[in-house]
């Protein structure tokens, strides 16, 4: 059953990415939420796959101009990455750079 759930979560994620590519952010977020719910149930709250899902969701919210929500999801993604990845992982810097850009866009230069 776990394998089936993971496949459904991955399919939902792929559908979300396809919708994002078409500019259909609301529909993408529906699929991301389905994927996220399954991953939380099957993988737990600290699994690296969740960081990727949160990051993708943040991107969709960012694209919609909902920067406060985007920051919330970028932060969740970075928090998991910091917990589970090596301190020298170059992707952590990428996530922090993205958050800084969003903060700058929001006019929160001190946080950026």
PDB file of N, CA and C in Angstrom:
ATOM      1  N   UNK A   1       0.829  -1.200   0.000  1.00  0.00           N
ATOM      2  CA  UNK A   1       0.000   0.000   0.000  1.00  0.00           C
ATOM      3  C   UNK A   1       0.873   1.263   0.000  1.00  0.00           C
ATOM      4  N   UNK A   2       1.984   1.215   0.749  1.00  0.00           N
ATOM      5  CA  UNK A   2       2.868   2.383   0.801  1.00  0.00           C
ATOM      6  C   UNK A   2       3.403   2.723  -0.583  1.00  0.00           C
ATOM      7  N   UNK A   3       3.773   1.702  -1.348  1.00  0.00           N
ATOM      8  CA  UNK A   3       4.301   1.940  -2.693  1.00  0.00           C
ATOM      9  C   UNK A   3       3.236   2.591  -3.573  1.00  0.00           C
ATOM     10  N   UNK A   4       1.995   2.144  -3.460  1.00  0.00           N
ATOM     11  CA  UNK A   4       0.910   2.733  -4.243  1.00  0.00           C
ATOM     12  C   UNK A   4       0.726   4.189  -3.857  1.00  0.00           C
ATOM     13  N   UNK A   5       0.741   4.476  -2.556  1.00  0.00           N
ATOM     14  CA  UNK A   5       0.605   5.852  -2.087  1.00  0.00           C
ATOM     15  C   UNK A   5       1.726   6.734  -2.618  1.00  0.00           C
ATOM     16  N   UNK A   6       2.937   6.215  -2.612  1.00  0.00           N
ATOM     17  CA  UNK A   6       4.070   7.000  -3.125  1.00  0.00           C
ATOM     18  C   UNK A   6       3.926   7.262  -4.624  1.00  0.00           C
ATOM     19  N   UNK A   7       3.426   6.282  -5.365  1.00  0.00           N
ATOM     20  CA  UNK A   7       3.216   6.468  -6.802  1.00  0.00           C
ATOM     21  C   UNK A   7       2.121   7.498  -7.061  1.00  0.00           C
ATOM     22  N   UNK A   8       1.062   7.460  -6.258  1.00  0.00           N
ATOM     23  CA  UNK A   8      -0.012   8.446  -6.405  1.00  0.00           C
ATOM     24  C   UNK A   8       0.526   9.840  -6.073  1.00  0.00           C
ATOM     25  N   UNK A   9       1.329   9.929  -5.025  1.00  0.00           N
ATOM     26  CA  UNK A   9       1.920  11.223  -4.646  1.00  0.00           C
ATOM     27  C   UNK A   9       2.816  11.747  -5.763  1.00  0.00           C
ATOM     28  N   UNK A  10       3.607  10.877  -6.347  1.00  0.00           N
ATOM     29  CA  UNK A  10       4.501  11.291  -7.434  1.00  0.00           C
ATOM     30  C   UNK A  10       3.707  11.697  -8.669  1.00  0.00           C
ATOM     31  N   UNK A  11       2.651  10.962  -8.981  1.00  0.00           N
ATOM     32  CA  UNK A  11       1.796  11.330 -10.116  1.00  0.00           C
ATOM     33  C   UNK A  11       1.128  12.676  -9.884  1.00  0.00           C
ATOM     34  N   UNK A  12       0.659  12.905  -8.662  1.00  0.00           N
ATOM     35  CA  UNK A  12       0.044  14.196  -8.331  1.00  0.00           C
ATOM     36  C   UNK A  12       1.062  15.317  -8.478  1.00  0.00           C
ATOM     37  N   UNK A  13       2.285  15.057  -8.042  1.00  0.00           N
ATOM     38  CA  UNK A  13       3.342  16.048  -8.184  1.00  0.00           C
ATOM     39  C   UNK A  13       3.612  16.344  -9.657  1.00  0.00           C
ATOM     40  N   UNK A  14       3.667  15.309 -10.475  1.00  0.00           N
ATOM     41  CA  UNK A  14       3.910  15.508 -11.902  1.00  0.00           C
ATOM     42  C   UNK A  14       2.778  16.298 -12.558  1.00  0.00           C
ATOM     43  N   UNK A  15       1.548  16.012 -12.163  1.00  0.00           N
ATOM     44  CA  UNK A  15       0.405  16.776 -12.680  1.00  0.00           C
ATOM     45  C   UNK A  15       0.530  18.243 -12.260  1.00  0.00           C
ATOM     46  N   UNK A  16       0.954  18.475 -11.028  1.00  0.00           N
ATOM     47  CA  UNK A  16       1.132  19.846 -10.542  1.00  0.00           C
ATOM     48  C   UNK A  16       2.172  20.583 -11.369  1.00  0.00           C
ATOM     49  N   UNK A  17       3.268  19.920 -11.651  1.00  0.00           N
ATOM     50  CA  UNK A  17       4.319  20.556 -12.451  1.00  0.00           C
ATOM     51  C   UNK A  17       3.838  20.851 -13.871  1.00  0.00           C
ATOM     52  N   UNK A  18       3.036  19.953 -14.432  1.00  0.00           N
ATOM     53  CA  UNK A  18       2.493  20.184 -15.767  1.00  0.00           C
ATOM     54  C   UNK A  18       1.549  21.395 -15.751  1.00  0.00           C
ATOM     55  N   UNK A  19       0.721  21.475 -14.724  1.00  0.00           N
ATOM     56  CA  UNK A  19      -0.189  22.622 -14.615  1.00  0.00           C
ATOM     57  C   UNK A  19       0.591  23.919 -14.430  1.00  0.00           C
ATOM     58  N   UNK A  20       1.651  23.866 -13.631  1.00  0.00           N
ATOM     59  CA  UNK A  20       2.495  25.051 -13.441  1.00  0.00           C
ATOM     60  C   UNK A  20       3.090  25.497 -14.765  1.00  0.00           C
ATOM     61  N   UNK A  21       3.545  24.533 -15.551  1.00  0.00           N
ATOM     62  CA  UNK A  21       4.123  24.841 -16.848  1.00  0.00           C
ATOM     63  C   UNK A  21       3.137  25.517 -17.787  1.00  0.00           C
ATOM     64  N   UNK A  22       1.857  25.230 -17.580  1.00  0.00           N
ATOM     65  CA  UNK A  22       0.805  25.844 -18.394  1.00  0.00           C
ATOM     66  C   UNK A  22       0.313  27.153 -17.782  1.00  0.00           C
ATOM     67  N   UNK A  23       0.864  27.504 -16.616  1.00  0.00           N
ATOM     68  CA  UNK A  23       0.449  28.737 -15.959  1.00  0.00           C
ATOM     69  C   UNK A  23      -0.811  28.591 -15.122  1.00  0.00           C
ATOM     70  N   UNK A  24      -1.259  27.366 -14.895  1.00  0.00           N
ATOM     71  CA  UNK A  24      -2.471  27.093 -14.113  1.00  0.00           C
ATOM     72  C   UNK A  24      -2.100  26.840 -12.650  1.00  0.00           C
ATOM     73  N   UNK A  25      -1.773  27.925 -11.952  1.00  0.00           N
ATOM     74  CA  UNK A  25      -1.237  27.792 -10.606  1.00  0.00           C
ATOM     75  C   UNK A  25      -2.254  27.268  -9.587  1.00  0.00           C
ATOM     76  N   UNK A  26      -3.506  27.661  -9.695  1.00  0.00           N
ATOM     77  CA  UNK A  26      -4.505  27.153  -8.753  1.00  0.00           C
ATOM     78  C   UNK A  26      -4.665  25.640  -8.893  1.00  0.00           C
ATOM     79  N   UNK A  27      -4.717  25.188 -10.117  1.00  0.00           N
ATOM     80  CA  UNK A  27      -4.828  23.737 -10.361  1.00  0.00           C
ATOM     81  C   UNK A  27      -3.549  23.027  -9.911  1.00  0.00           C
ATOM     82  N   UNK A  28      -2.409  23.642 -10.161  1.00  0.00           N
ATOM     83  CA  UNK A  28      -1.138  23.059  -9.710  1.00  0.00           C
ATOM     84  C   UNK A  28      -1.139  22.896  -8.196  1.00  0.00           C
ATOM     85  N   UNK A  29      -1.624  23.903  -7.498  1.00  0.00           N
ATOM     86  CA  UNK A  29      -1.647  23.833  -6.033  1.00  0.00           C
ATOM     87  C   UNK A  29      -2.589  22.740  -5.537  1.00  0.00           C
ATOM     88  N   UNK A  30      -3.673  22.490  -6.251  1.00  0.00           N
ATOM     89  CA  UNK A  30      -4.562  21.385  -5.881  1.00  0.00           C
ATOM     90  C   UNK A  30      -3.797  20.063  -5.919  1.00  0.00           C
ATOM     91  N   UNK A  31      -3.047  19.849  -6.997  1.00  0.00           N
ATOM     92  CA  UNK A  31      -2.272  18.608  -7.117  1.00  0.00           C
ATOM     93  C   UNK A  31      -1.136  18.563  -6.104  1.00  0.00           C
ATOM     94  N   UNK A  32      -0.479  19.698  -5.865  1.00  0.00           N
ATOM     95  CA  UNK A  32       0.586  19.722  -4.851  1.00  0.00           C
ATOM     96  C   UNK A  32       0.022  19.370  -3.480  1.00  0.00           C
ATOM     97  N   UNK A  33      -1.155  19.881  -3.165  1.00  0.00           N
ATOM     98  CA  UNK A  33      -1.772  19.574  -1.869  1.00  0.00           C
ATOM     99  C   UNK A  33      -2.108  18.099  -1.739  1.00  0.00           C
ATOM    100  N   UNK A  34      -2.567  17.470  -2.817  1.00  0.00           N
ATOM    101  CA  UNK A  34      -2.823  16.023  -2.796  1.00  0.00           C
ATOM    102  C   UNK A  34      -1.531  15.264  -2.546  1.00  0.00           C
ATOM    103  N   UNK A  35      -0.494  15.648  -3.262  1.00  0.00           N
ATOM    104  CA  UNK A  35       0.803  15.014  -3.103  1.00  0.00           C
ATOM    105  C   UNK A  35       1.330  15.201  -1.686  1.00  0.00           C
ATOM    106  N   UNK A  36       1.214  16.420  -1.174  1.00  0.00           N
ATOM    107  CA  UNK A  36       1.697  16.732   0.168  1.00  0.00           C
ATOM    108  C   UNK A  36       0.981  15.902   1.229  1.00  0.00           C
ATOM    109  N   UNK A  37      -0.331  15.784   1.130  1.00  0.00           N
ATOM    110  CA  UNK A  37      -1.093  15.020   2.124  1.00  0.00           C
ATOM    111  C   UNK A  37      -0.635  13.570   2.170  1.00  0.00           C
ATOM    112  N   UNK A  38      -0.410  12.983   1.009  1.00  0.00           N
ATOM    113  CA  UNK A  38       0.046  11.590   0.950  1.00  0.00           C
ATOM    114  C   UNK A  38       1.454  11.475   1.522  1.00  0.00           C
ATOM    115  N   UNK A  39       2.336  12.383   1.113  1.00  0.00           N
ATOM    116  CA  UNK A  39       3.722  12.326   1.588  1.00  0.00           C
ATOM    117  C   UNK A  39       3.805  12.504   3.098  1.00  0.00           C
ATOM    118  N   UNK A  40       3.014  13.398   3.660  1.00  0.00           N
ATOM    119  CA  UNK A  40       3.023  13.583   5.112  1.00  0.00           C
ATOM    120  C   UNK A  40       2.610  12.297   5.817  1.00  0.00           C
ATOM    121  N   UNK A  41       1.605  11.638   5.281  1.00  0.00           N
ATOM    122  CA  UNK A  41       1.100  10.406   5.890  1.00  0.00           C
ATOM    123  C   UNK A  41       2.110   9.261   5.764  1.00  0.00           C
ATOM    124  N   UNK A  42       2.709   9.134   4.598  1.00  0.00           N
ATOM    125  CA  UNK A  42       3.584   8.000   4.310  1.00  0.00           C
ATOM    126  C   UNK A  42       5.027   8.230   4.772  1.00  0.00           C
ATOM    127  N   UNK A  43       5.533   9.443   4.604  1.00  0.00           N
ATOM    128  CA  UNK A  43       6.950   9.707   4.830  1.00  0.00           C
ATOM    129  C   UNK A  43       7.260  10.426   6.143  1.00  0.00           C
ATOM    130  N   UNK A  44       6.281  11.093   6.720  1.00  0.00           N
ATOM    131  CA  UNK A  44       6.541  11.873   7.927  1.00  0.00           C
ATOM    132  C   UNK A  44       6.926  13.305   7.583  1.00  0.00           C
ATOM    133  N   UNK A  45       7.086  14.112   8.616  1.00  0.00           N
ATOM    134  CA  UNK A  45       7.226  15.561   8.433  1.00  0.00           C
ATOM    135  C   UNK A  45       8.630  16.042   8.051  1.00  0.00           C
ATOM    136  N   UNK A  46       9.639  15.205   8.157  1.00  0.00           N
ATOM    137  CA  UNK A  46      11.009  15.664   7.904  1.00  0.00           C
ATOM    138  C   UNK A  46      11.662  15.039   6.677  1.00  0.00           C
ATOM    139  N   UNK A  47      10.912  14.364   5.859  1.00  0.00           N
ATOM    140  CA  UNK A  47      11.493  13.688   4.695  1.00  0.00           C
ATOM    141  C   UNK A  47      11.896  14.715   3.633  1.00  0.00           C
ATOM    142  N   UNK A  48      13.038  14.524   2.974  1.00  0.00           N
ATOM    143  CA  UNK A  48      13.491  15.461   1.945  1.00  0.00           C
ATOM    144  C   UNK A  48      12.493  15.662   0.802  1.00  0.00           C
ATOM    145  N   UNK A  49      11.685  14.655   0.485  1.00  0.00           N
ATOM    146  CA  UNK A  49      10.680  14.815  -0.571  1.00  0.00           C
ATOM    147  C   UNK A  49       9.677  15.914  -0.224  1.00  0.00           C
ATOM    148  N   UNK A  50       9.422  16.099   1.070  1.00  0.00           N
ATOM    149  CA  UNK A  50       8.521  17.172   1.484  1.00  0.00           C
ATOM    150  C   UNK A  50       9.128  18.531   1.179  1.00  0.00           C
ATOM    151  N   UNK A  51      10.425  18.651   1.351  1.00  0.00           N
ATOM    152  CA  UNK A  51      11.092  19.922   1.063  1.00  0.00           C
ATOM    153  C   UNK A  51      10.890  20.306  -0.399  1.00  0.00           C
ATOM    154  N   UNK A  52      10.978  19.337  -1.271  1.00  0.00           N
ATOM    155  CA  UNK A  52      10.781  19.593  -2.692  1.00  0.00           C
ATOM    156  C   UNK A  52       9.338  20.022  -2.972  1.00  0.00           C
ATOM    157  N   UNK A  53       8.391  19.342  -2.338  1.00  0.00           N
ATOM    158  CA  UNK A  53       6.981  19.693  -2.530  1.00  0.00           C
ATOM    159  C   UNK A  53       6.712  21.101  -2.018  1.00  0.00           C
ATOM    160  N   UNK A  54       7.222  21.415  -0.826  1.00  0.00           N
ATOM    161  CA  UNK A  54       7.036  22.762  -0.283  1.00  0.00           C
ATOM    162  C   UNK A  54       7.655  23.813  -1.206  1.00  0.00           C
ATOM    163  N   UNK A  55       8.824  23.506  -1.736  1.00  0.00           N
ATOM    164  CA  UNK A  55       9.503  24.431  -2.646  1.00  0.00           C
ATOM    165  C   UNK A  55       8.661  24.663  -3.904  1.00  0.00           C
ATOM    166  N   UNK A  56       8.121  23.588  -4.471  1.00  0.00           N
ATOM    167  CA  UNK A  56       7.286  23.716  -5.664  1.00  0.00           C
ATOM    168  C   UNK A  56       6.022  24.515  -5.370  1.00  0.00           C
ATOM    169  N   UNK A  57       5.430  24.287  -4.202  1.00  0.00           N
ATOM    170  CA  UNK A  57       4.233  25.030  -3.812  1.00  0.00           C
ATOM    171  C   UNK A  57       4.569  26.514  -3.645  1.00  0.00           C
ATOM    172  N   UNK A  58       5.712  26.787  -3.057  1.00  0.00           N
ATOM    173  CA  UNK A  58       6.148  28.175  -2.883  1.00  0.00           C
ATOM    174  C   UNK A  58       6.280  28.862  -4.233  1.00  0.00           C
ATOM    175  N   UNK A  59       6.850  28.151  -5.191  1.00  0.00           N
ATOM    176  CA  UNK A  59       6.997  28.712  -6.526  1.00  0.00           C
ATOM    177  C   UNK A  59       5.653  29.057  -7.162  1.00  0.00           C
ATOM    178  N   UNK A  60       4.662  28.201  -6.951  1.00  0.00           N
ATOM    179  CA  UNK A  60       3.327  28.462  -7.502  1.00  0.00           C
ATOM    180  C   UNK A  60       2.709  29.696  -6.848  1.00  0.00           C
ATOM    181  N   UNK A  61       2.841  29.787  -5.516  1.00  0.00           N
ATOM    182  CA  UNK A  61       2.309  30.969  -4.828  1.00  0.00           C
ATOM    183  C   UNK A  61       3.068  32.231  -5.240  1.00  0.00           C
ATOM    184  N   UNK A  62       4.372  32.095  -5.405  1.00  0.00           N
ATOM    185  CA  UNK A  62       5.197  33.220  -5.850  1.00  0.00           C
ATOM    186  C   UNK A  62       4.712  33.704  -7.219  1.00  0.00           C
ATOM    187  N   UNK A  63       4.474  32.757  -8.112  1.00  0.00           N
ATOM    188  CA  UNK A  63       4.003  33.088  -9.460  1.00  0.00           C
ATOM    189  C   UNK A  63       2.648  33.792  -9.423  1.00  0.00           C
ATOM    190  N   UNK A  64       1.812  33.428  -8.449  1.00  0.00           N
ATOM    191  CA  UNK A  64       0.496  34.053  -8.304  1.00  0.00           C
ATOM    192  C   UNK A  64       0.578  35.422  -7.646  1.00  0.00           C
ATOM    193  N   UNK A  65       1.768  35.773  -7.140  1.00  0.00           N
ATOM    194  CA  UNK A  65       1.931  37.050  -6.462  1.00  0.00           C
ATOM    195  C   UNK A  65       1.551  37.004  -4.994  1.00  0.00           C
ATOM    196  N   UNK A  66       1.331  35.811  -4.460  1.00  0.00           N
ATOM    197  CA  UNK A  66       0.984  35.632  -3.053  1.00  0.00           C
ATOM    198  C   UNK A  66       2.272  35.369  -2.272  1.00  0.00           C
ATOM    199  N   UNK A  67       3.042  36.444  -2.108  1.00  0.00           N
ATOM    200  CA  UNK A  67       4.403  36.315  -1.603  1.00  0.00           C
ATOM    201  C   UNK A  67       4.468  35.895  -0.139  1.00  0.00           C
ATOM    202  N   UNK A  68       3.512  36.313   0.687  1.00  0.00           N
ATOM    203  CA  UNK A  68       3.530  35.897   2.089  1.00  0.00           C
ATOM    204  C   UNK A  68       3.393  34.379   2.205  1.00  0.00           C
ATOM    205  N   UNK A  69       2.489  33.820   1.410  1.00  0.00           N
ATOM    206  CA  UNK A  69       2.305  32.364   1.437  1.00  0.00           C
ATOM    207  C   UNK A  69       3.525  31.681   0.826  1.00  0.00           C
ATOM    208  N   UNK A  70       4.072  32.259  -0.246  1.00  0.00           N
ATOM    209  CA  UNK A  70       5.280  31.696  -0.865  1.00  0.00           C
ATOM    210  C   UNK A  70       6.407  31.620   0.152  1.00  0.00           C
ATOM    211  N   UNK A  71       6.601  32.691   0.914  1.00  0.00           N
ATOM    212  CA  UNK A  71       7.659  32.697   1.934  1.00  0.00           C
ATOM    213  C   UNK A  71       7.442  31.615   2.979  1.00  0.00           C
ATOM    214  N   UNK A  72       6.203  31.416   3.359  1.00  0.00           N
ATOM    215  CA  UNK A  72       5.886  30.387   4.343  1.00  0.00           C
ATOM    216  C   UNK A  72       6.333  29.013   3.843  1.00  0.00           C
ATOM    217  N   UNK A  73       6.045  28.724   2.573  1.00  0.00           N
ATOM    218  CA  UNK A  73       6.413  27.427   2.017  1.00  0.00           C
ATOM    219  C   UNK A  73       7.909  27.325   1.712  1.00  0.00           C
ATOM    220  N   UNK A  74       8.527  28.417   1.268  1.00  0.00           N
ATOM    221  CA  UNK A  74       9.986  28.394   1.100  1.00  0.00           C
ATOM    222  C   UNK A  74      10.654  28.115   2.445  1.00  0.00           C
ATOM    223  N   UNK A  75      10.147  28.739   3.498  1.00  0.00           N
ATOM    224  CA  UNK A  75      10.712  28.540   4.825  1.00  0.00           C
ATOM    225  C   UNK A  75      10.579  27.082   5.266  1.00  0.00           C
ATOM    226  N   UNK A  76       9.430  26.473   5.027  1.00  0.00           N
ATOM    227  CA  UNK A  76       9.240  25.055   5.372  1.00  0.00           C
ATOM    228  C   UNK A  76      10.246  24.190   4.615  1.00  0.00           C
ATOM    229  N   UNK A  77      10.441  24.506   3.347  1.00  0.00           N
ATOM    230  CA  UNK A  77      11.376  23.752   2.530  1.00  0.00           C
ATOM    231  C   UNK A  77      12.801  23.875   3.062  1.00  0.00           C
ATOM    232  N   UNK A  78      13.217  25.091   3.343  1.00  0.00           N
ATOM    233  CA  UNK A  78      14.576  25.327   3.842  1.00  0.00           C
ATOM    234  C   UNK A  78      14.776  24.654   5.201  1.00  0.00           C
ATOM    235  N   UNK A  79      13.773  24.730   6.055  1.00  0.00           N
ATOM    236  CA  UNK A  79      13.875  24.129   7.383  1.00  0.00           C
ATOM    237  C   UNK A  79      14.139  22.629   7.293  1.00  0.00           C
ATOM    238  N   UNK A  80      13.418  21.959   6.408  1.00  0.00           N
ATOM    239  CA  UNK A  80      13.646  20.515   6.224  1.00  0.00           C
ATOM    240  C   UNK A  80      15.019  20.271   5.634  1.00  0.00           C
ATOM    241  N   UNK A  81      15.393  21.054   4.623  1.00  0.00           N
ATOM    242  CA  UNK A  81      16.709  20.878   4.002  1.00  0.00           C
ATOM    243  C   UNK A  81      17.828  21.048   5.017  1.00  0.00           C
ATOM    244  N   UNK A  82      17.691  22.036   5.885  1.00  0.00           N
ATOM    245  CA  UNK A  82      18.719  22.263   6.902  1.00  0.00           C
ATOM    246  C   UNK A  82      18.797  21.091   7.874  1.00  0.00           C
ATOM    247  N   UNK A  83      17.666  20.475   8.151  1.00  0.00           N
ATOM    248  CA  UNK A  83      17.625  19.361   9.084  1.00  0.00           C
ATOM    249  C   UNK A  83      18.217  18.086   8.515  1.00  0.00           C
ATOM    250  N   UNK A  84      17.980  17.839   7.233  1.00  0.00           N
ATOM    251  CA  UNK A  84      18.325  16.536   6.682  1.00  0.00           C
ATOM    252  C   UNK A  84      19.531  16.527   5.762  1.00  0.00           C
ATOM    253  N   UNK A  85      19.992  17.684   5.358  1.00  0.00           N
ATOM    254  CA  UNK A  85      21.107  17.724   4.417  1.00  0.00           C
ATOM    255  C   UNK A  85      22.414  18.060   5.115  1.00  0.00           C
ATOM    256  N   UNK A  86      23.476  17.762   4.428  1.00  0.00           N
ATOM    257  CA  UNK A  86      24.823  18.093   4.857  1.00  0.00           C
ATOM    258  C   UNK A  86      24.982  19.619   4.892  1.00  0.00           C
ATOM    259  N   UNK A  87      25.731  20.111   5.842  1.00  0.00           N
ATOM    260  CA  UNK A  87      25.967  21.552   5.981  1.00  0.00           C
ATOM    261  C   UNK A  87      26.567  22.172   4.722  1.00  0.00           C
ATOM    262  N   UNK A  88      27.286  21.400   3.938  1.00  0.00           N
ATOM    263  CA  UNK A  88      27.934  21.921   2.741  1.00  0.00           C
ATOM    264  C   UNK A  88      27.094  21.749   1.471  1.00  0.00           C
ATOM    265  N   UNK A  89      25.851  21.336   1.618  1.00  0.00           N
ATOM    266  CA  UNK A  89      24.986  21.115   0.469  1.00  0.00           C
ATOM    267  C   UNK A  89      24.756  22.442  -0.263  1.00  0.00           C
ATOM    268  N   UNK A  90      25.116  22.532  -1.542  1.00  0.00           N
ATOM    269  CA  UNK A  90      24.968  23.795  -2.273  1.00  0.00           C
ATOM    270  C   UNK A  90      23.514  24.212  -2.468  1.00  0.00           C
ATOM    271  N   UNK A  91      22.572  23.283  -2.391  1.00  0.00           N
ATOM    272  CA  UNK A  91      21.165  23.614  -2.595  1.00  0.00           C
ATOM    273  C   UNK A  91      20.606  24.482  -1.471  1.00  0.00           C
ATOM    274  N   UNK A  92      21.195  24.400  -0.291  1.00  0.00           N
ATOM    275  CA  UNK A  92      20.723  25.238   0.816  1.00  0.00           C
ATOM    276  C   UNK A  92      20.914  26.708   0.476  1.00  0.00           C
ATOM    277  N   UNK A  93      22.001  27.019  -0.147  1.00  0.00           N
ATOM    278  CA  UNK A  93      22.235  28.410  -0.545  1.00  0.00           C
ATOM    279  C   UNK A  93      21.201  28.851  -1.575  1.00  0.00           C
ATOM    280  N   UNK A  94      20.837  27.961  -2.485  1.00  0.00           N
ATOM    281  CA  UNK A  94      19.816  28.285  -3.479  1.00  0.00           C
ATOM    282  C   UNK A  94      18.502  28.659  -2.810  1.00  0.00           C
ATOM    283  N   UNK A  95      18.090  27.864  -1.834  1.00  0.00           N
ATOM    284  CA  UNK A  95      16.831  28.135  -1.141  1.00  0.00           C
ATOM    285  C   UNK A  95      16.900  29.462  -0.403  1.00  0.00           C
ATOM    286  N   UNK A  96      18.011  29.731   0.243  1.00  0.00           N
ATOM    287  CA  UNK A  96      18.148  30.989   0.965  1.00  0.00           C
ATOM    288  C   UNK A  96      18.161  32.176   0.009  1.00  0.00           C
ATOM    289  N   UNK A  97      18.767  32.002  -1.150  1.00  0.00           N
ATOM    290  CA  UNK A  97      18.753  33.067  -2.157  1.00  0.00           C
ATOM    291  C   UNK A  97      17.334  33.366  -2.635  1.00  0.00           C
ATOM    292  N   UNK A  98      16.557  32.322  -2.845  1.00  0.00           N
ATOM    293  CA  UNK A  98      15.173  32.508  -3.279  1.00  0.00           C
ATOM    294  C   UNK A  98      14.388  33.268  -2.222  1.00  0.00           C
ATOM    295  N   UNK A  99      14.548  32.893  -0.972  1.00  0.00           N
ATOM    296  CA  UNK A  99      13.830  33.579   0.098  1.00  0.00           C
ATOM    297  C   UNK A  99      14.249  35.043   0.159  1.00  0.00           C
ATOM    298  N   UNK A 100      15.520  35.315  -0.024  1.00  0.00           N
ATOM    299  CA  UNK A 100      16.002  36.699   0.005  1.00  0.00           C
ATOM    300  C   UNK A 100      15.364  37.520  -1.116  1.00  0.00           C
ATOM    301  N   UNK A 101      15.230  36.934  -2.283  1.00  0.00           N
ATOM    302  CA  UNK A 101      14.602  37.637  -3.404  1.00  0.00           C
ATOM    303  C   UNK A 101      13.146  37.959  -3.091  1.00  0.00           C
ATOM    304  N   UNK A 102      12.447  36.991  -2.507  1.00  0.00           N
ATOM    305  CA  UNK A 102      11.036  37.228  -2.175  1.00  0.00           C
ATOM    306  C   UNK A 102      10.917  38.302  -1.112  1.00  0.00           C
ATOM    307  N   UNK A 103      11.766  38.238  -0.083  1.00  0.00           N
ATOM    308  CA  UNK A 103      11.739  39.277   0.952  1.00  0.00           C
ATOM    309  C   UNK A 103      12.009  40.651   0.338  1.00  0.00           C
ATOM    310  N   UNK A 104      12.965  40.725  -0.573  1.00  0.00           N
ATOM    311  CA  UNK A 104      13.282  41.994  -1.226  1.00  0.00           C
ATOM    312  C   UNK A 104      12.081  42.512  -2.006  1.00  0.00           C
ATOM    313  N   UNK A 105      11.399  41.618  -2.721  1.00  0.00           N
ATOM    314  CA  UNK A 105      10.214  41.985  -3.467  1.00  0.00           C
ATOM    315  C   UNK A 105       9.127  42.522  -2.547  1.00  0.00           C
ATOM    316  N   UNK A 106       9.033  41.943  -1.352  1.00  0.00           N
ATOM    317  CA  UNK A 106       8.045  42.370  -0.360  1.00  0.00           C
ATOM    318  C   UNK A 106       8.445  43.683   0.309  1.00  0.00           C
ATOM    319  N   UNK A 107       9.658  44.143   0.040  1.00  0.00           N
ATOM    320  CA  UNK A 107      10.124  45.371   0.677  1.00  0.00           C
ATOM    321  C   UNK A 107      10.706  45.154   2.051  1.00  0.00           C
ATOM    322  N   UNK A 108      10.957  43.914   2.413  1.00  0.00           N
ATOM    323  CA  UNK A 108      11.535  43.587   3.713  1.00  0.00           C
ATOM    324  C   UNK A 108      13.047  43.405   3.561  1.00  0.00           C
ATOM    325  N   UNK A 109      13.720  44.525   3.332  1.00  0.00           N
ATOM    326  CA  UNK A 109      15.145  44.460   3.019  1.00  0.00           C
ATOM    327  C   UNK A 109      15.987  43.963   4.183  1.00  0.00           C
ATOM    328  N   UNK A 110      15.584  44.246   5.420  1.00  0.00           N
ATOM    329  CA  UNK A 110      16.324  43.743   6.574  1.00  0.00           C
ATOM    330  C   UNK A 110      16.343  42.220   6.607  1.00  0.00           C
ATOM    331  N   UNK A 111      15.235  41.597   6.264  1.00  0.00           N
ATOM    332  CA  UNK A 111      15.148  40.141   6.255  1.00  0.00           C
ATOM    333  C   UNK A 111      15.862  39.543   5.053  1.00  0.00           C
ATOM    334  N   UNK A 112      15.878  40.279   3.933  1.00  0.00           N
ATOM    335  CA  UNK A 112      16.523  39.788   2.727  1.00  0.00           C
ATOM    336  C   UNK A 112      18.016  39.655   2.962  1.00  0.00           C
TER     337      UNK A 112
END
